[in-house]
């Protein structure tokens, strides 16, 4: 017994082919290109981001390694401030330091504060 005519068979195969192409493209488009974070790579992009913010906004007074001290800038390699205190200082300024709340986003401020913790000697 024949269920499909030659014309219907071709239509059925075309539909199957197009459906499989559509499904494949949907699956491929949903695939992310981010590798899962491992203990070795977790935080590396965040550190790089904080480093970039530091280089663009802080190096002129604190220096590349945080200990230059131009215009009374604090030596960041000797900082004993907590992360929350660093965020407050960067946000609101302190003594001669410019407040950055109008210049940087909250994420940038947090990232640069976290980065300065890597400068401690």
N, C-alpha and C. Protein backbone atom coordinates (compact mmCIF):
# COMPACT_ATOMS: atom_id res chain seq x y z
N UNK A 1 0.82 -1.17 0.00
CA UNK A 1 0.00 0.00 0.00
C UNK A 1 0.88 1.24 0.00
N UNK A 2 0.57 2.11 -0.85
CA UNK A 2 1.37 3.31 -0.99
C UNK A 2 0.63 4.48 -0.34
N UNK A 3 1.29 5.16 0.65
CA UNK A 3 0.65 6.25 1.38
C UNK A 3 0.91 7.61 0.75
N UNK A 4 2.06 7.75 0.16
CA UNK A 4 2.43 9.05 -0.39
C UNK A 4 2.65 8.94 -1.89
N UNK A 5 2.09 9.88 -2.58
CA UNK A 5 2.35 9.93 -4.02
C UNK A 5 3.74 10.53 -4.22
N UNK A 6 4.23 10.49 -5.42
CA UNK A 6 5.56 11.03 -5.72
C UNK A 6 5.61 12.52 -5.39
N UNK A 7 4.55 13.25 -5.70
CA UNK A 7 4.50 14.68 -5.43
C UNK A 7 4.47 14.94 -3.93
N UNK A 8 3.65 14.19 -3.20
CA UNK A 8 3.57 14.36 -1.75
C UNK A 8 4.87 13.95 -1.07
N UNK A 9 5.51 12.94 -1.61
CA UNK A 9 6.77 12.47 -1.05
C UNK A 9 7.84 13.56 -1.14
N UNK A 10 7.92 14.22 -2.28
CA UNK A 10 8.88 15.31 -2.47
C UNK A 10 8.57 16.46 -1.53
N UNK A 11 7.31 16.78 -1.39
CA UNK A 11 6.89 17.85 -0.48
C UNK A 11 7.25 17.49 0.96
N UNK A 12 7.02 16.25 1.32
CA UNK A 12 7.33 15.78 2.67
C UNK A 12 8.84 15.88 2.94
N UNK A 13 9.67 15.45 2.00
CA UNK A 13 11.12 15.51 2.17
C UNK A 13 11.62 16.95 2.26
N UNK A 14 11.05 17.82 1.44
CA UNK A 14 11.41 19.23 1.47
C UNK A 14 11.07 19.84 2.82
N UNK A 15 9.90 19.52 3.34
CA UNK A 15 9.47 20.02 4.64
C UNK A 15 10.40 19.52 5.74
N UNK A 16 10.74 18.23 5.67
CA UNK A 16 11.67 17.67 6.67
C UNK A 16 13.02 18.36 6.60
N UNK A 17 13.53 18.57 5.40
CA UNK A 17 14.82 19.22 5.23
C UNK A 17 14.80 20.64 5.79
N UNK A 18 13.78 21.40 5.43
CA UNK A 18 13.69 22.78 5.91
C UNK A 18 13.51 22.83 7.42
N UNK A 19 12.75 21.91 7.95
CA UNK A 19 12.55 21.86 9.41
C UNK A 19 13.86 21.55 10.12
N UNK A 20 14.62 20.61 9.57
CA UNK A 20 15.90 20.27 10.21
C UNK A 20 16.88 21.44 10.11
N UNK A 21 16.87 22.16 9.00
CA UNK A 21 17.72 23.35 8.87
C UNK A 21 17.34 24.40 9.90
N UNK A 22 16.06 24.64 10.06
CA UNK A 22 15.58 25.62 11.02
C UNK A 22 15.97 25.21 12.44
N UNK A 23 15.76 23.95 12.78
CA UNK A 23 16.09 23.46 14.10
C UNK A 23 17.59 23.58 14.36
N UNK A 24 18.40 23.24 13.38
CA UNK A 24 19.85 23.34 13.53
C UNK A 24 20.29 24.78 13.75
N UNK A 25 19.69 25.69 12.99
CA UNK A 25 20.08 27.09 13.16
C UNK A 25 19.66 27.62 14.52
N UNK A 26 18.51 27.17 15.02
CA UNK A 26 18.08 27.58 16.36
C UNK A 26 19.04 27.06 17.42
N UNK A 27 19.45 25.81 17.30
CA UNK A 27 20.37 25.24 18.26
C UNK A 27 21.72 25.93 18.22
N UNK A 28 22.21 26.21 17.03
CA UNK A 28 23.52 26.86 16.91
C UNK A 28 23.49 28.29 17.42
N UNK A 29 22.39 28.99 17.18
CA UNK A 29 22.32 30.38 17.63
C UNK A 29 22.20 30.48 19.14
N UNK A 30 21.72 29.43 19.79
CA UNK A 30 21.60 29.47 21.24
C UNK A 30 22.88 29.07 21.94
N UNK A 31 23.84 28.58 21.20
CA UNK A 31 25.12 28.19 21.80
C UNK A 31 25.91 29.44 22.15
N UNK A 32 26.40 29.51 23.38
CA UNK A 32 27.24 30.63 23.77
C UNK A 32 28.68 30.35 23.42
N UNK A 33 29.45 31.40 23.31
CA UNK A 33 30.87 31.21 23.02
C UNK A 33 31.72 31.42 24.26
N UNK A 34 31.07 31.62 25.41
CA UNK A 34 31.82 31.81 26.64
C UNK A 34 32.17 30.46 27.23
N UNK A 35 33.43 30.25 27.48
CA UNK A 35 33.85 29.03 28.14
C UNK A 35 33.46 29.10 29.61
N UNK A 36 33.15 27.99 30.22
CA UNK A 36 32.81 28.05 31.64
C UNK A 36 33.99 28.53 32.46
N UNK A 37 33.69 29.27 33.52
CA UNK A 37 34.76 29.80 34.35
C UNK A 37 35.30 28.69 35.24
N UNK A 38 36.59 28.58 35.27
CA UNK A 38 37.27 27.63 36.13
C UNK A 38 37.97 28.43 37.20
N UNK A 39 38.44 27.80 38.25
CA UNK A 39 39.16 28.57 39.27
C UNK A 39 40.35 29.35 38.70
N UNK A 40 40.95 28.82 37.63
CA UNK A 40 42.11 29.50 37.04
C UNK A 40 41.69 30.74 36.25
N UNK A 41 40.50 30.72 35.64
CA UNK A 41 40.10 31.84 34.79
C UNK A 41 39.05 32.73 35.44
N UNK A 42 38.42 32.29 36.51
CA UNK A 42 37.39 33.10 37.15
C UNK A 42 37.99 34.41 37.62
N UNK A 43 37.35 35.51 37.26
CA UNK A 43 37.80 36.82 37.69
C UNK A 43 38.87 37.46 36.83
N UNK A 44 39.43 36.74 35.87
CA UNK A 44 40.50 37.34 35.08
C UNK A 44 39.98 38.50 34.24
N UNK A 45 38.80 38.38 33.67
CA UNK A 45 38.26 39.49 32.88
C UNK A 45 37.88 40.66 33.78
N UNK A 46 37.40 40.38 34.99
CA UNK A 46 37.08 41.44 35.94
C UNK A 46 38.34 42.20 36.35
N UNK A 47 39.43 41.45 36.57
CA UNK A 47 40.70 42.12 36.92
C UNK A 47 41.20 42.98 35.78
N UNK A 48 41.06 42.48 34.56
CA UNK A 48 41.49 43.25 33.40
C UNK A 48 40.66 44.53 33.28
N UNK A 49 39.35 44.42 33.52
CA UNK A 49 38.47 45.58 33.46
C UNK A 49 38.89 46.61 34.51
N UNK A 50 39.14 46.15 35.74
CA UNK A 50 39.58 47.05 36.80
C UNK A 50 40.92 47.69 36.48
N UNK A 51 41.81 46.91 35.87
CA UNK A 51 43.11 47.42 35.45
C UNK A 51 42.95 48.51 34.39
N UNK A 52 42.05 48.29 33.45
CA UNK A 52 41.80 49.29 32.40
C UNK A 52 41.25 50.58 32.99
N UNK A 53 40.30 50.47 33.92
CA UNK A 53 39.73 51.65 34.57
C UNK A 53 40.83 52.37 35.34
N UNK A 54 41.66 51.62 36.05
CA UNK A 54 42.77 52.21 36.81
C UNK A 54 43.73 52.95 35.89
N UNK A 55 44.10 52.29 34.81
CA UNK A 55 45.05 52.91 33.86
C UNK A 55 44.47 54.20 33.27
N UNK A 56 43.19 54.22 32.99
CA UNK A 56 42.57 55.39 32.36
C UNK A 56 42.27 56.54 33.33
N UNK A 57 42.17 56.24 34.63
CA UNK A 57 41.71 57.27 35.55
C UNK A 57 42.61 57.54 36.75
N UNK A 58 43.48 56.61 37.09
CA UNK A 58 44.19 56.71 38.36
C UNK A 58 45.71 56.82 38.23
N UNK A 59 46.25 56.35 37.13
CA UNK A 59 47.70 56.28 36.95
C UNK A 59 48.36 57.65 37.02
N UNK A 60 47.69 58.68 36.57
CA UNK A 60 48.32 60.01 36.55
C UNK A 60 48.73 60.49 37.94
N UNK A 61 48.04 60.05 38.98
CA UNK A 61 48.41 60.43 40.35
C UNK A 61 49.03 59.28 41.14
N UNK A 62 48.47 58.07 40.99
CA UNK A 62 48.93 56.93 41.78
C UNK A 62 50.05 56.14 41.11
N UNK A 63 50.26 56.34 39.81
CA UNK A 63 51.28 55.59 39.09
C UNK A 63 50.80 54.20 38.70
N UNK A 64 51.50 53.58 37.81
CA UNK A 64 51.09 52.28 37.28
C UNK A 64 51.09 51.19 38.34
N UNK A 65 51.95 51.32 39.33
CA UNK A 65 52.00 50.30 40.38
C UNK A 65 51.35 50.76 41.68
N UNK A 66 50.71 51.94 41.66
CA UNK A 66 49.97 52.43 42.81
C UNK A 66 50.78 53.16 43.86
N UNK A 67 52.09 53.32 43.65
CA UNK A 67 52.93 53.92 44.69
C UNK A 67 53.63 55.21 44.28
N UNK A 68 53.13 55.88 43.24
CA UNK A 68 53.80 57.08 42.74
C UNK A 68 53.56 58.29 43.63
N UNK A 69 52.35 58.52 44.11
CA UNK A 69 52.08 59.58 45.07
C UNK A 69 52.19 61.00 44.56
N UNK A 70 51.82 61.26 43.33
CA UNK A 70 51.84 62.62 42.79
C UNK A 70 50.71 63.44 43.43
N UNK A 71 50.99 64.70 43.73
CA UNK A 71 49.99 65.62 44.30
C UNK A 71 49.35 65.10 45.58
N UNK A 72 50.10 64.38 46.37
CA UNK A 72 49.57 63.90 47.64
C UNK A 72 48.75 62.62 47.53
N UNK A 73 48.79 61.96 46.39
CA UNK A 73 48.04 60.71 46.23
C UNK A 73 48.59 59.65 47.17
N UNK A 74 47.70 58.89 47.77
CA UNK A 74 48.07 57.85 48.73
C UNK A 74 48.78 56.70 48.03
N UNK A 75 49.73 56.09 48.70
CA UNK A 75 50.43 54.91 48.21
C UNK A 75 49.51 53.71 48.38
N UNK A 76 48.94 53.25 47.28
CA UNK A 76 47.95 52.16 47.32
C UNK A 76 48.55 50.82 47.70
N UNK A 77 49.85 50.68 47.59
CA UNK A 77 50.49 49.42 47.97
C UNK A 77 50.50 49.23 49.48
N UNK A 78 50.24 50.31 50.23
CA UNK A 78 50.23 50.26 51.69
C UNK A 78 48.83 50.40 52.27
N UNK A 79 47.81 50.36 51.44
CA UNK A 79 46.44 50.58 51.88
C UNK A 79 45.96 49.47 52.83
N UNK A 80 45.29 49.90 53.89
CA UNK A 80 44.69 48.96 54.84
C UNK A 80 43.17 49.07 54.80
N UNK A 81 42.64 49.81 53.82
CA UNK A 81 41.19 49.99 53.72
C UNK A 81 40.51 48.71 53.23
N UNK A 82 39.29 48.51 53.71
CA UNK A 82 38.48 47.39 53.23
C UNK A 82 37.96 47.74 51.83
N UNK A 83 37.40 46.77 51.15
CA UNK A 83 36.85 47.02 49.82
C UNK A 83 35.75 48.08 49.89
N UNK A 84 34.88 47.99 50.88
CA UNK A 84 33.80 48.97 51.03
C UNK A 84 34.36 50.38 51.26
N UNK A 85 35.41 50.49 52.06
CA UNK A 85 36.02 51.79 52.31
C UNK A 85 36.68 52.34 51.04
N UNK A 86 37.32 51.47 50.26
CA UNK A 86 37.92 51.90 49.00
C UNK A 86 36.85 52.41 48.04
N UNK A 87 35.74 51.70 47.95
CA UNK A 87 34.63 52.13 47.08
C UNK A 87 34.13 53.50 47.52
N UNK A 88 34.02 53.71 48.82
CA UNK A 88 33.56 55.02 49.34
C UNK A 88 34.54 56.13 49.00
N UNK A 89 35.84 55.87 49.12
CA UNK A 89 36.86 56.88 48.81
C UNK A 89 36.85 57.20 47.32
N UNK A 90 36.79 56.18 46.48
CA UNK A 90 36.78 56.42 45.03
C UNK A 90 35.51 57.17 44.64
N UNK A 91 34.40 56.82 45.23
CA UNK A 91 33.12 57.45 44.91
C UNK A 91 33.08 58.91 45.36
N UNK A 92 33.46 59.16 46.61
CA UNK A 92 33.28 60.49 47.21
C UNK A 92 34.54 61.33 47.31
N UNK A 93 35.70 60.73 47.01
CA UNK A 93 36.95 61.45 47.15
C UNK A 93 37.42 61.48 48.59
N UNK A 94 38.63 62.00 48.80
CA UNK A 94 39.18 62.09 50.15
C UNK A 94 40.36 63.06 50.08
N UNK A 95 40.38 64.01 50.98
CA UNK A 95 41.43 65.04 50.99
C UNK A 95 41.57 65.65 49.60
N UNK A 96 42.71 65.43 48.93
CA UNK A 96 42.91 66.04 47.60
C UNK A 96 42.40 65.17 46.45
N UNK A 97 41.92 63.97 46.77
CA UNK A 97 41.46 63.07 45.70
C UNK A 97 40.10 63.49 45.16
N UNK A 98 40.01 63.48 43.85
CA UNK A 98 38.76 63.82 43.15
C UNK A 98 37.71 62.75 43.39
N UNK A 99 36.46 63.16 43.66
CA UNK A 99 35.39 62.14 43.71
C UNK A 99 35.05 61.67 42.29
N UNK A 100 34.86 60.38 42.14
CA UNK A 100 34.62 59.82 40.82
C UNK A 100 33.17 59.42 40.58
N UNK A 101 32.26 59.78 41.50
CA UNK A 101 30.86 59.35 41.33
C UNK A 101 30.21 59.94 40.08
N UNK A 102 30.67 61.05 39.60
CA UNK A 102 30.12 61.64 38.37
C UNK A 102 30.88 61.19 37.12
N UNK A 103 32.04 60.56 37.32
CA UNK A 103 32.89 60.19 36.19
C UNK A 103 32.87 58.70 35.86
N UNK A 104 32.62 57.86 36.86
CA UNK A 104 32.63 56.41 36.68
C UNK A 104 31.31 55.81 37.12
N UNK A 105 30.96 54.68 36.53
CA UNK A 105 29.76 53.95 36.96
C UNK A 105 30.07 53.20 38.26
N UNK A 106 29.03 52.73 38.92
CA UNK A 106 29.22 51.95 40.15
C UNK A 106 30.03 50.69 39.87
N UNK A 107 29.81 50.06 38.72
CA UNK A 107 30.58 48.86 38.35
C UNK A 107 32.05 49.19 38.13
N UNK A 108 32.32 50.31 37.48
CA UNK A 108 33.72 50.72 37.26
C UNK A 108 34.41 51.01 38.59
N UNK A 109 33.71 51.68 39.48
CA UNK A 109 34.27 52.01 40.79
C UNK A 109 34.58 50.73 41.57
N UNK A 110 33.66 49.79 41.57
CA UNK A 110 33.87 48.51 42.26
C UNK A 110 35.04 47.75 41.64
N UNK A 111 35.09 47.73 40.32
CA UNK A 111 36.17 47.00 39.63
C UNK A 111 37.53 47.59 39.92
N UNK A 112 37.63 48.91 39.91
CA UNK A 112 38.93 49.54 40.18
C UNK A 112 39.31 49.37 41.66
N UNK A 113 38.32 49.39 42.54
CA UNK A 113 38.61 49.16 43.97
C UNK A 113 39.15 47.74 44.17
N UNK A 114 38.53 46.77 43.53
CA UNK A 114 39.01 45.39 43.60
C UNK A 114 40.40 45.26 42.99
N UNK A 115 40.63 45.97 41.90
CA UNK A 115 41.95 45.92 41.26
C UNK A 115 43.03 46.47 42.19
N UNK A 116 42.74 47.54 42.92
CA UNK A 116 43.76 48.14 43.80
C UNK A 116 44.20 47.16 44.88
N UNK A 117 43.37 46.18 45.20
CA UNK A 117 43.77 45.18 46.19
C UNK A 117 44.91 44.30 45.66
N UNK A 118 45.05 44.21 44.35
CA UNK A 118 46.14 43.41 43.77
C UNK A 118 47.46 44.17 43.79
N UNK A 119 47.44 45.45 44.14
CA UNK A 119 48.65 46.27 44.16
C UNK A 119 49.40 46.19 45.48
N UNK A 120 48.77 45.63 46.51
CA UNK A 120 49.41 45.56 47.83
C UNK A 120 50.69 44.75 47.76
N UNK A 121 51.68 45.23 48.49
CA UNK A 121 52.97 44.52 48.54
C UNK A 121 53.05 43.65 49.75
